[in-house]
Amino acid sequence: MSIIYELLLYDVSNKILFLSNERLIYHLLVIFAFSLAFIGVAEVMYWSYKKDYLRAKAKYLRELIDQKNDLTSINEPFYTCVYEKWNSGEMPLTEANTLCSLKFGQD
């Protein structure tokens, strides 16, 4: 009785572990399709967020340059500090903003 049980178990495990060629091809096609869909969605999200980020950064830089060039503003030294540190390549824009905020007491 145990030999029959083991043979049945062996037969079922072979069906589970070893797929037929046709089923294997279908599984691979499904995996490939989902992989392409995942990569496609990820790429679209990446480029749309990057576009929004670059647009916001450009807007901030335009405002920063306008404020820097406004010599009547009381915050002109702060904006000049941020622009000069960023433009010289000394540090990224966010770090320059943080450093100059601490230096001039801006919020």
PDB file of N, CA and C in Angstrom:
ATOM      1  N   MET A   1       0.816  -1.185   0.000  1.00  0.00           N
ATOM      2  CA  MET A   1       0.000   0.000   0.000  1.00  0.00           C
ATOM      3  C   MET A   1       0.868   1.260   0.000  1.00  0.00           C
ATOM      4  N   SER A   2       1.945   1.228   0.731  1.00  0.00           N
ATOM      5  CA  SER A   2       2.799   2.409   0.770  1.00  0.00           C
ATOM      6  C   SER A   2       3.521   2.612  -0.557  1.00  0.00           C
ATOM      7  N   ILE A   3       3.816   1.547  -1.294  1.00  0.00           N
ATOM      8  CA  ILE A   3       4.473   1.687  -2.594  1.00  0.00           C
ATOM      9  C   ILE A   3       3.537   2.375  -3.579  1.00  0.00           C
ATOM     10  N   ILE A   4       2.259   2.004  -3.570  1.00  0.00           N
ATOM     11  CA  ILE A   4       1.283   2.650  -4.454  1.00  0.00           C
ATOM     12  C   ILE A   4       1.141   4.119  -4.077  1.00  0.00           C
ATOM     13  N   TYR A   5       1.079   4.391  -2.814  1.00  0.00           N
ATOM     14  CA  TYR A   5       0.977   5.772  -2.346  1.00  0.00           C
ATOM     15  C   TYR A   5       2.186   6.595  -2.804  1.00  0.00           C
ATOM     16  N   GLU A   6       3.383   6.030  -2.662  1.00  0.00           N
ATOM     17  CA  GLU A   6       4.586   6.740  -3.091  1.00  0.00           C
ATOM     18  C   GLU A   6       4.597   6.957  -4.594  1.00  0.00           C
ATOM     19  N   LEU A   7       4.142   5.994  -5.364  1.00  0.00           N
ATOM     20  CA  LEU A   7       4.093   6.148  -6.813  1.00  0.00           C
ATOM     21  C   LEU A   7       3.092   7.233  -7.208  1.00  0.00           C
ATOM     22  N   LEU A   8       1.944   7.251  -6.558  1.00  0.00           N
ATOM     23  CA  LEU A   8       0.967   8.293  -6.847  1.00  0.00           C
ATOM     24  C   LEU A   8       1.522   9.682  -6.479  1.00  0.00           C
ATOM     25  N   LEU A   9       2.162   9.747  -5.346  1.00  0.00           N
ATOM     26  CA  LEU A   9       2.759  10.998  -4.908  1.00  0.00           C
ATOM     27  C   LEU A   9       3.849  11.436  -5.883  1.00  0.00           C
ATOM     28  N   TYR A  10       4.654  10.510  -6.344  1.00  0.00           N
ATOM     29  CA  TYR A  10       5.717  10.817  -7.298  1.00  0.00           C
ATOM     30  C   TYR A  10       5.134  11.322  -8.612  1.00  0.00           C
ATOM     31  N   ASP A  11       4.051  10.698  -9.060  1.00  0.00           N
ATOM     32  CA  ASP A  11       3.416  11.096 -10.315  1.00  0.00           C
ATOM     33  C   ASP A  11       2.841  12.504 -10.214  1.00  0.00           C
ATOM     34  N   VAL A  12       2.199  12.829  -9.103  1.00  0.00           N
ATOM     35  CA  VAL A  12       1.629  14.165  -8.909  1.00  0.00           C
ATOM     36  C   VAL A  12       2.737  15.206  -8.805  1.00  0.00           C
ATOM     37  N   SER A  13       3.799  14.900  -8.082  1.00  0.00           N
ATOM     38  CA  SER A  13       4.891  15.868  -7.931  1.00  0.00           C
ATOM     39  C   SER A  13       5.557  16.141  -9.270  1.00  0.00           C
ATOM     40  N   ASN A  14       5.652  15.130 -10.125  1.00  0.00           N
ATOM     41  CA  ASN A  14       6.223  15.370 -11.457  1.00  0.00           C
ATOM     42  C   ASN A  14       5.338  16.297 -12.271  1.00  0.00           C
ATOM     43  N   LYS A  15       4.033  16.148 -12.140  1.00  0.00           N
ATOM     44  CA  LYS A  15       3.124  17.032 -12.871  1.00  0.00           C
ATOM     45  C   LYS A  15       3.214  18.467 -12.352  1.00  0.00           C
ATOM     46  N   ILE A  16       3.431  18.600 -11.057  1.00  0.00           N
ATOM     47  CA  ILE A  16       3.526  19.943 -10.474  1.00  0.00           C
ATOM     48  C   ILE A  16       4.876  20.572 -10.800  1.00  0.00           C
ATOM     49  N   LEU A  17       5.946  19.805 -10.630  1.00  0.00           N
ATOM     50  CA  LEU A  17       7.274  20.372 -10.815  1.00  0.00           C
ATOM     51  C   LEU A  17       7.653  20.537 -12.286  1.00  0.00           C
ATOM     52  N   PHE A  18       7.320  19.569 -13.089  1.00  0.00           N
ATOM     53  CA  PHE A  18       7.712  19.608 -14.494  1.00  0.00           C
ATOM     54  C   PHE A  18       6.502  19.921 -15.354  1.00  0.00           C
ATOM     55  N   LEU A  19       6.404  21.157 -15.776  1.00  0.00           N
ATOM     56  CA  LEU A  19       5.296  21.579 -16.613  1.00  0.00           C
ATOM     57  C   LEU A  19       5.529  21.087 -18.035  1.00  0.00           C
ATOM     58  N   SER A  20       4.466  20.920 -18.745  1.00  0.00           N
ATOM     59  CA  SER A  20       4.628  20.556 -20.148  1.00  0.00           C
ATOM     60  C   SER A  20       5.213  21.748 -20.902  1.00  0.00           C
ATOM     61  N   ASN A  21       5.766  21.497 -22.052  1.00  0.00           N
ATOM     62  CA  ASN A  21       6.396  22.569 -22.831  1.00  0.00           C
ATOM     63  C   ASN A  21       5.406  23.678 -23.153  1.00  0.00           C
ATOM     64  N   GLU A  22       4.192  23.318 -23.479  1.00  0.00           N
ATOM     65  CA  GLU A  22       3.177  24.311 -23.838  1.00  0.00           C
ATOM     66  C   GLU A  22       2.839  25.193 -22.643  1.00  0.00           C
ATOM     67  N   ARG A  23       2.637  24.570 -21.488  1.00  0.00           N
ATOM     68  CA  ARG A  23       2.324  25.354 -20.282  1.00  0.00           C
ATOM     69  C   ARG A  23       3.515  26.203 -19.861  1.00  0.00           C
ATOM     70  N   LEU A  24       4.715  25.684 -20.041  1.00  0.00           N
ATOM     71  CA  LEU A  24       5.913  26.448 -19.695  1.00  0.00           C
ATOM     72  C   LEU A  24       6.023  27.692 -20.571  1.00  0.00           C
ATOM     73  N   ILE A  25       5.737  27.542 -21.840  1.00  0.00           N
ATOM     74  CA  ILE A  25       5.778  28.686 -22.753  1.00  0.00           C
ATOM     75  C   ILE A  25       4.730  29.721 -22.357  1.00  0.00           C
ATOM     76  N   TYR A  26       3.523  29.270 -22.008  1.00  0.00           N
ATOM     77  CA  TYR A  26       2.480  30.206 -21.572  1.00  0.00           C
ATOM     78  C   TYR A  26       2.888  30.936 -20.294  1.00  0.00           C
ATOM     79  N   HIS A  27       3.474  30.200 -19.353  1.00  0.00           N
ATOM     80  CA  HIS A  27       3.928  30.833 -18.116  1.00  0.00           C
ATOM     81  C   HIS A  27       5.003  31.881 -18.415  1.00  0.00           C
ATOM     82  N   LEU A  28       5.933  31.543 -19.274  1.00  0.00           N
ATOM     83  CA  LEU A  28       6.985  32.500 -19.620  1.00  0.00           C
ATOM     84  C   LEU A  28       6.421  33.725 -20.330  1.00  0.00           C
ATOM     85  N   LEU A  29       5.432  33.527 -21.201  1.00  0.00           N
ATOM     86  CA  LEU A  29       4.808  34.658 -21.877  1.00  0.00           C
ATOM     87  C   LEU A  29       4.082  35.573 -20.896  1.00  0.00           C
ATOM     88  N   VAL A  30       3.404  34.986 -19.934  1.00  0.00           N
ATOM     89  CA  VAL A  30       2.695  35.780 -18.926  1.00  0.00           C
ATOM     90  C   VAL A  30       3.698  36.561 -18.075  1.00  0.00           C
ATOM     91  N   ILE A  31       4.764  35.902 -17.664  1.00  0.00           N
ATOM     92  CA  ILE A  31       5.792  36.579 -16.867  1.00  0.00           C
ATOM     93  C   ILE A  31       6.419  37.711 -17.675  1.00  0.00           C
ATOM     94  N   PHE A  32       6.696  37.456 -18.935  1.00  0.00           N
ATOM     95  CA  PHE A  32       7.285  38.474 -19.798  1.00  0.00           C
ATOM     96  C   PHE A  32       6.330  39.660 -19.976  1.00  0.00           C
ATOM     97  N   ALA A  33       5.049  39.381 -20.182  1.00  0.00           N
ATOM     98  CA  ALA A  33       4.067  40.454 -20.372  1.00  0.00           C
ATOM     99  C   ALA A  33       3.940  41.310 -19.108  1.00  0.00           C
ATOM    100  N   PHE A  34       3.873  40.665 -17.942  1.00  0.00           N
ATOM    101  CA  PHE A  34       3.777  41.432 -16.696  1.00  0.00           C
ATOM    102  C   PHE A  34       5.061  42.219 -16.436  1.00  0.00           C
ATOM    103  N   SER A  35       6.198  41.674 -16.790  1.00  0.00           N
ATOM    104  CA  SER A  35       7.459  42.400 -16.622  1.00  0.00           C
ATOM    105  C   SER A  35       7.481  43.645 -17.496  1.00  0.00           C
ATOM    106  N   LEU A  36       7.068  43.491 -18.747  1.00  0.00           N
ATOM    107  CA  LEU A  36       7.020  44.657 -19.638  1.00  0.00           C
ATOM    108  C   LEU A  36       6.032  45.707 -19.134  1.00  0.00           C
ATOM    109  N   ALA A  37       4.878  45.251 -18.652  1.00  0.00           N
ATOM    110  CA  ALA A  37       3.891  46.196 -18.130  1.00  0.00           C
ATOM    111  C   ALA A  37       4.448  46.937 -16.914  1.00  0.00           C
ATOM    112  N   PHE A  38       5.114  46.221 -16.020  1.00  0.00           N
ATOM    113  CA  PHE A  38       5.689  46.840 -14.829  1.00  0.00           C
ATOM    114  C   PHE A  38       6.751  47.868 -15.213  1.00  0.00           C
ATOM    115  N   ILE A  39       7.622  47.498 -16.124  1.00  0.00           N
ATOM    116  CA  ILE A  39       8.677  48.418 -16.558  1.00  0.00           C
ATOM    117  C   ILE A  39       8.070  49.627 -17.255  1.00  0.00           C
ATOM    118  N   GLY A  40       7.041  49.410 -18.064  1.00  0.00           N
ATOM    119  CA  GLY A  40       6.378  50.521 -18.747  1.00  0.00           C
ATOM    120  C   GLY A  40       5.764  51.503 -17.775  1.00  0.00           C
ATOM    121  N   VAL A  41       5.057  51.010 -16.781  1.00  0.00           N
ATOM    122  CA  VAL A  41       4.428  51.889 -15.783  1.00  0.00           C
ATOM    123  C   VAL A  41       5.502  52.626 -14.979  1.00  0.00           C
ATOM    124  N   ALA A  42       6.556  51.922 -14.610  1.00  0.00           N
ATOM    125  CA  ALA A  42       7.627  52.558 -13.839  1.00  0.00           C
ATOM    126  C   ALA A  42       8.301  53.669 -14.640  1.00  0.00           C
ATOM    127  N   GLU A  43       8.532  53.436 -15.914  1.00  0.00           N
ATOM    128  CA  GLU A  43       9.155  54.457 -16.757  1.00  0.00           C
ATOM    129  C   GLU A  43       8.264  55.691 -16.902  1.00  0.00           C
ATOM    130  N   VAL A  44       6.984  55.468 -17.114  1.00  0.00           N
ATOM    131  CA  VAL A  44       6.054  56.594 -17.253  1.00  0.00           C
ATOM    132  C   VAL A  44       6.020  57.414 -15.966  1.00  0.00           C
ATOM    133  N   MET A  45       5.958  56.744 -14.825  1.00  0.00           N
ATOM    134  CA  MET A  45       5.937  57.466 -13.551  1.00  0.00           C
ATOM    135  C   MET A  45       7.242  58.228 -13.332  1.00  0.00           C
ATOM    136  N   TYR A  46       8.362  57.586 -13.632  1.00  0.00           N
ATOM    137  CA  TYR A  46       9.663  58.234 -13.430  1.00  0.00           C
ATOM    138  C   TYR A  46       9.769  59.500 -14.263  1.00  0.00           C
ATOM    139  N   TRP A  47       9.469  59.394 -15.551  1.00  0.00           N
ATOM    140  CA  TRP A  47       9.636  60.561 -16.417  1.00  0.00           C
ATOM    141  C   TRP A  47       8.618  61.660 -16.116  1.00  0.00           C
ATOM    142  N   SER A  48       7.400  61.298 -15.699  1.00  0.00           N
ATOM    143  CA  SER A  48       6.427  62.349 -15.379  1.00  0.00           C
ATOM    144  C   SER A  48       6.834  63.085 -14.101  1.00  0.00           C
ATOM    145  N   TYR A  49       7.311  62.342 -13.088  1.00  0.00           N
ATOM    146  CA  TYR A  49       7.752  63.007 -11.862  1.00  0.00           C
ATOM    147  C   TYR A  49       9.018  63.819 -12.098  1.00  0.00           C
ATOM    148  N   LYS A  50       9.912  63.309 -12.942  1.00  0.00           N
ATOM    149  CA  LYS A  50      11.127  64.063 -13.245  1.00  0.00           C
ATOM    150  C   LYS A  50      10.782  65.358 -13.968  1.00  0.00           C
ATOM    151  N   LYS A  51       9.817  65.302 -14.868  1.00  0.00           N
ATOM    152  CA  LYS A  51       9.382  66.499 -15.594  1.00  0.00           C
ATOM    153  C   LYS A  51       8.799  67.524 -14.621  1.00  0.00           C
ATOM    154  N   ASP A  52       7.944  67.070 -13.692  1.00  0.00           N
ATOM    155  CA  ASP A  52       7.378  67.983 -12.692  1.00  0.00           C
ATOM    156  C   ASP A  52       8.466  68.569 -11.799  1.00  0.00           C
ATOM    157  N   TYR A  53       9.422  67.739 -11.406  1.00  0.00           N
ATOM    158  CA  TYR A  53      10.517  68.205 -10.551  1.00  0.00           C
ATOM    159  C   TYR A  53      11.336  69.273 -11.262  1.00  0.00           C
ATOM    160  N   LEU A  54      11.679  69.019 -12.511  1.00  0.00           N
ATOM    161  CA  LEU A  54      12.483  69.989 -13.260  1.00  0.00           C
ATOM    162  C   LEU A  54      11.716  71.278 -13.502  1.00  0.00           C
ATOM    163  N   ARG A  55      10.412  71.174 -13.726  1.00  0.00           N
ATOM    164  CA  ARG A  55       9.594  72.373 -13.910  1.00  0.00           C
ATOM    165  C   ARG A  55       9.567  73.198 -12.622  1.00  0.00           C
ATOM    166  N   ALA A  56       9.396  72.536 -11.473  1.00  0.00           N
ATOM    167  CA  ALA A  56       9.370  73.246 -10.190  1.00  0.00           C
ATOM    168  C   ALA A  56      10.732  73.865  -9.887  1.00  0.00           C
ATOM    169  N   LYS A  57      11.804  73.145 -10.210  1.00  0.00           N
ATOM    170  CA  LYS A  57      13.142  73.679  -9.961  1.00  0.00           C
ATOM    171  C   LYS A  57      13.404  74.900 -10.838  1.00  0.00           C
ATOM    172  N   ALA A  58      12.978  74.849 -12.095  1.00  0.00           N
ATOM    173  CA  ALA A  58      13.163  75.994 -12.995  1.00  0.00           C
ATOM    174  C   ALA A  58      12.376  77.200 -12.495  1.00  0.00           C
ATOM    175  N   LYS A  59      11.164  76.964 -12.015  1.00  0.00           N
ATOM    176  CA  LYS A  59      10.353  78.059 -11.489  1.00  0.00           C
ATOM    177  C   LYS A  59      11.029  78.681 -10.265  1.00  0.00           C
ATOM    178  N   TYR A  60      11.554  77.822  -9.379  1.00  0.00           N
ATOM    179  CA  TYR A  60      12.241  78.321  -8.191  1.00  0.00           C
ATOM    180  C   TYR A  60      13.477  79.127  -8.574  1.00  0.00           C
ATOM    181  N   LEU A  61      14.234  78.635  -9.564  1.00  0.00           N
ATOM    182  CA  LEU A  61      15.433  79.357  -9.984  1.00  0.00           C
ATOM    183  C   LEU A  61      15.092  80.712 -10.608  1.00  0.00           C
ATOM    184  N   ARG A  62      14.023  80.767 -11.393  1.00  0.00           N
ATOM    185  CA  ARG A  62      13.605  82.053 -11.962  1.00  0.00           C
ATOM    186  C   ARG A  62      13.264  83.040 -10.852  1.00  0.00           C
ATOM    187  N   GLU A  63      12.512  82.572  -9.847  1.00  0.00           N
ATOM    188  CA  GLU A  63      12.153  83.442  -8.725  1.00  0.00           C
ATOM    189  C   GLU A  63      13.388  83.845  -7.926  1.00  0.00           C
ATOM    190  N   LEU A  64      14.309  82.905  -7.765  1.00  0.00           N
ATOM    191  CA  LEU A  64      15.540  83.187  -7.032  1.00  0.00           C
ATOM    192  C   LEU A  64      16.358  84.274  -7.738  1.00  0.00           C
ATOM    193  N   ILE A  65      16.476  84.150  -9.037  1.00  0.00           N
ATOM    194  CA  ILE A  65      17.241  85.145  -9.805  1.00  0.00           C
ATOM    195  C   ILE A  65      16.537  86.503  -9.767  1.00  0.00           C
ATOM    196  N   ASP A  66      15.213  86.503  -9.868  1.00  0.00           N
ATOM    197  CA  ASP A  66      14.472  87.760  -9.777  1.00  0.00           C
ATOM    198  C   ASP A  66      14.687  88.424  -8.420  1.00  0.00           C
ATOM    199  N   GLN A  67      14.642  87.640  -7.353  1.00  0.00           N
ATOM    200  CA  GLN A  67      14.840  88.190  -6.008  1.00  0.00           C
ATOM    201  C   GLN A  67      16.278  88.670  -5.814  1.00  0.00           C
ATOM    202  N   LYS A  68      17.225  87.920  -6.386  1.00  0.00           N
ATOM    203  CA  LYS A  68      18.634  88.308  -6.275  1.00  0.00           C
ATOM    204  C   LYS A  68      18.889  89.640  -6.976  1.00  0.00           C
ATOM    205  N   ASN A  69      18.230  89.838  -8.097  1.00  0.00           N
ATOM    206  CA  ASN A  69      18.444  91.058  -8.872  1.00  0.00           C
ATOM    207  C   ASN A  69      17.643  92.258  -8.352  1.00  0.00           C
ATOM    208  N   ASP A  70      16.711  92.001  -7.426  1.00  0.00           N
ATOM    209  CA  ASP A  70      15.924  93.087  -6.841  1.00  0.00           C
ATOM    210  C   ASP A  70      16.715  93.694  -5.689  1.00  0.00           C
ATOM    211  N   LEU A  71      17.441  94.756  -5.969  1.00  0.00           N
ATOM    212  CA  LEU A  71      18.326  95.340  -4.966  1.00  0.00           C
ATOM    213  C   LEU A  71      17.575  96.087  -3.877  1.00  0.00           C
ATOM    214  N   THR A  72      16.286  96.374  -4.073  1.00  0.00           N
ATOM    215  CA  THR A  72      15.508  97.086  -3.055  1.00  0.00           C
ATOM    216  C   THR A  72      14.955  96.132  -1.999  1.00  0.00           C
ATOM    217  N   SER A  73      15.017  94.839  -2.248  1.00  0.00           N
ATOM    218  CA  SER A  73      14.465  93.855  -1.308  1.00  0.00           C
ATOM    219  C   SER A  73      15.385  93.700  -0.101  1.00  0.00           C
ATOM    220  N   ILE A  74      14.763  93.542   1.067  1.00  0.00           N
ATOM    221  CA  ILE A  74      15.579  93.337   2.273  1.00  0.00           C
ATOM    222  C   ILE A  74      16.176  91.928   2.295  1.00  0.00           C
ATOM    223  N   ASN A  75      15.641  91.010   1.482  1.00  0.00           N
ATOM    224  CA  ASN A  75      16.146  89.638   1.439  1.00  0.00           C
ATOM    225  C   ASN A  75      17.159  89.415   0.317  1.00  0.00           C
ATOM    226  N   GLU A  76      17.590  90.470  -0.326  1.00  0.00           N
ATOM    227  CA  GLU A  76      18.524  90.336  -1.444  1.00  0.00           C
ATOM    228  C   GLU A  76      19.816  89.623  -1.063  1.00  0.00           C
ATOM    229  N   PRO A  77      20.421  89.872   0.094  1.00  0.00           N
ATOM    230  CA  PRO A  77      21.656  89.137   0.441  1.00  0.00           C
ATOM    231  C   PRO A  77      21.421  87.620   0.563  1.00  0.00           C
ATOM    232  N   PHE A  78      20.264  87.233   1.081  1.00  0.00           N
ATOM    233  CA  PHE A  78      19.946  85.809   1.205  1.00  0.00           C
ATOM    234  C   PHE A  78      19.870  85.161  -0.171  1.00  0.00           C
ATOM    235  N   TYR A  79      19.137  85.777  -1.086  1.00  0.00           N
ATOM    236  CA  TYR A  79      18.979  85.210  -2.419  1.00  0.00           C
ATOM    237  C   TYR A  79      20.299  85.230  -3.188  1.00  0.00           C
ATOM    238  N   THR A  80      21.095  86.254  -2.977  1.00  0.00           N
ATOM    239  CA  THR A  80      22.413  86.309  -3.614  1.00  0.00           C
ATOM    240  C   THR A  80      23.293  85.188  -3.093  1.00  0.00           C
ATOM    241  N   CYS A  81      23.250  84.934  -1.795  1.00  0.00           N
ATOM    242  CA  CYS A  81      24.022  83.852  -1.187  1.00  0.00           C
ATOM    243  C   CYS A  81      23.627  82.505  -1.793  1.00  0.00           C
ATOM    244  N   VAL A  82      22.337  82.244  -1.859  1.00  0.00           N
ATOM    245  CA  VAL A  82      21.853  80.971  -2.410  1.00  0.00           C
ATOM    246  C   VAL A  82      22.290  80.825  -3.857  1.00  0.00           C
ATOM    247  N   TYR A  83      22.093  81.863  -4.633  1.00  0.00           N
ATOM    248  CA  TYR A  83      22.415  81.789  -6.063  1.00  0.00           C
ATOM    249  C   TYR A  83      23.910  81.583  -6.279  1.00  0.00           C
ATOM    250  N   GLU A  84      24.734  82.313  -5.542  1.00  0.00           N
ATOM    251  CA  GLU A  84      26.182  82.211  -5.735  1.00  0.00           C
ATOM    252  C   GLU A  84      26.712  80.838  -5.335  1.00  0.00           C
ATOM    253  N   LYS A  85      26.199  80.297  -4.236  1.00  0.00           N
ATOM    254  CA  LYS A  85      26.664  78.964  -3.809  1.00  0.00           C
ATOM    255  C   LYS A  85      26.210  77.890  -4.791  1.00  0.00           C
ATOM    256  N   TRP A  86      25.012  78.032  -5.326  1.00  0.00           N
ATOM    257  CA  TRP A  86      24.526  77.056  -6.307  1.00  0.00           C
ATOM    258  C   TRP A  86      25.230  77.229  -7.649  1.00  0.00           C
ATOM    259  N   ASN A  87      25.355  78.461  -8.114  1.00  0.00           N
ATOM    260  CA  ASN A  87      25.924  78.731  -9.441  1.00  0.00           C
ATOM    261  C   ASN A  87      27.413  78.371  -9.510  1.00  0.00           C
ATOM    262  N   SER A  88      28.117  78.501  -8.418  1.00  0.00           N
ATOM    263  CA  SER A  88      29.548  78.179  -8.411  1.00  0.00           C
ATOM    264  C   SER A  88      29.784  76.669  -8.416  1.00  0.00           C
ATOM    265  N   GLY A  89      28.731  75.906  -8.169  1.00  0.00           N
ATOM    266  CA  GLY A  89      28.877  74.450  -8.107  1.00  0.00           C
ATOM    267  C   GLY A  89      29.364  73.983  -6.750  1.00  0.00           C
ATOM    268  N   GLU A  90      29.393  74.892  -5.809  1.00  0.00           N
ATOM    269  CA  GLU A  90      29.875  74.563  -4.470  1.00  0.00           C
ATOM    270  C   GLU A  90      28.955  73.555  -3.777  1.00  0.00           C
ATOM    271  N   MET A  91      27.647  73.690  -3.999  1.00  0.00           N
ATOM    272  CA  MET A  91      26.680  72.786  -3.364  1.00  0.00           C
ATOM    273  C   MET A  91      25.379  72.794  -4.151  1.00  0.00           C
ATOM    274  N   PRO A  92      24.567  71.738  -3.960  1.00  0.00           N
ATOM    275  CA  PRO A  92      23.261  71.697  -4.621  1.00  0.00           C
ATOM    276  C   PRO A  92      22.341  72.795  -4.098  1.00  0.00           C
ATOM    277  N   LEU A  93      21.286  73.033  -4.837  1.00  0.00           N
ATOM    278  CA  LEU A  93      20.371  74.132  -4.526  1.00  0.00           C
ATOM    279  C   LEU A  93      19.759  74.001  -3.134  1.00  0.00           C
ATOM    280  N   THR A  94      19.329  72.801  -2.759  1.00  0.00           N
ATOM    281  CA  THR A  94      18.684  72.632  -1.451  1.00  0.00           C
ATOM    282  C   THR A  94      19.665  72.884  -0.310  1.00  0.00           C
ATOM    283  N   GLU A  95      20.907  72.416  -0.476  1.00  0.00           N
ATOM    284  CA  GLU A  95      21.905  72.651   0.575  1.00  0.00           C
ATOM    285  C   GLU A  95      22.265  74.128   0.660  1.00  0.00           C
ATOM    286  N   ALA A  96      22.362  74.784  -0.489  1.00  0.00           N
ATOM    287  CA  ALA A  96      22.663  76.222  -0.492  1.00  0.00           C
ATOM    288  C   ALA A  96      21.545  77.000   0.189  1.00  0.00           C
ATOM    289  N   ASN A  97      20.316  76.627  -0.087  1.00  0.00           N
ATOM    290  CA  ASN A  97      19.167  77.287   0.536  1.00  0.00           C
ATOM    291  C   ASN A  97      19.201  77.091   2.051  1.00  0.00           C
ATOM    292  N   THR A  98      19.482  75.873   2.490  1.00  0.00           N
ATOM    293  CA  THR A  98      19.530  75.582   3.932  1.00  0.00           C
ATOM    294  C   THR A  98      20.647  76.356   4.608  1.00  0.00           C
ATOM    295  N   LEU A  99      21.830  76.344   4.005  1.00  0.00           N
ATOM    296  CA  LEU A  99      22.972  77.030   4.604  1.00  0.00           C
ATOM    297  C   LEU A  99      22.728  78.532   4.695  1.00  0.00           C
ATOM    298  N   CYS A 100      22.229  79.117   3.630  1.00  0.00           N
ATOM    299  CA  CYS A 100      21.980  80.560   3.648  1.00  0.00           C
ATOM    300  C   CYS A 100      20.811  80.917   4.571  1.00  0.00           C
ATOM    301  N   SER A 101      19.838  80.007   4.707  1.00  0.00           N
ATOM    302  CA  SER A 101      18.750  80.252   5.665  1.00  0.00           C
ATOM    303  C   SER A 101      19.292  80.325   7.079  1.00  0.00           C
ATOM    304  N   LEU A 102      20.214  79.438   7.403  1.00  0.00           N
ATOM    305  CA  LEU A 102      20.815  79.479   8.736  1.00  0.00           C
ATOM    306  C   LEU A 102      21.685  80.732   8.911  1.00  0.00           C
ATOM    307  N   LYS A 103      22.367  81.123   7.857  1.00  0.00           N
ATOM    308  CA  LYS A 103      23.270  82.264   7.923  1.00  0.00           C
ATOM    309  C   LYS A 103      22.510  83.593   8.081  1.00  0.00           C
ATOM    310  N   PHE A 104      21.379  83.706   7.378  1.00  0.00           N
ATOM    311  CA  PHE A 104      20.631  84.966   7.410  1.00  0.00           C
ATOM    312  C   PHE A 104      19.370  84.897   8.250  1.00  0.00           C
ATOM    313  N   GLY A 105      19.093  83.762   8.883  1.00  0.00           N
ATOM    314  CA  GLY A 105      17.918  83.639   9.749  1.00  0.00           C
ATOM    315  C   GLY A 105      16.604  83.647   9.006  1.00  0.00           C
ATOM    316  N   GLN A 106      16.599  83.133   7.771  1.00  0.00           N
ATOM    317  CA  GLN A 106      15.370  83.061   6.956  1.00  0.00           C
ATOM    318  C   GLN A 106      14.608  81.781   7.314  1.00  0.00           C
ATOM    319  N   ASP A 107      13.275  81.827   7.149  1.00  0.00           N
ATOM    320  CA  ASP A 107      12.448  80.634   7.374  1.00  0.00           C
ATOM    321  C   ASP A 107      11.990  80.073   6.060  1.00  0.00           C
TER     322      ASP A 107
END
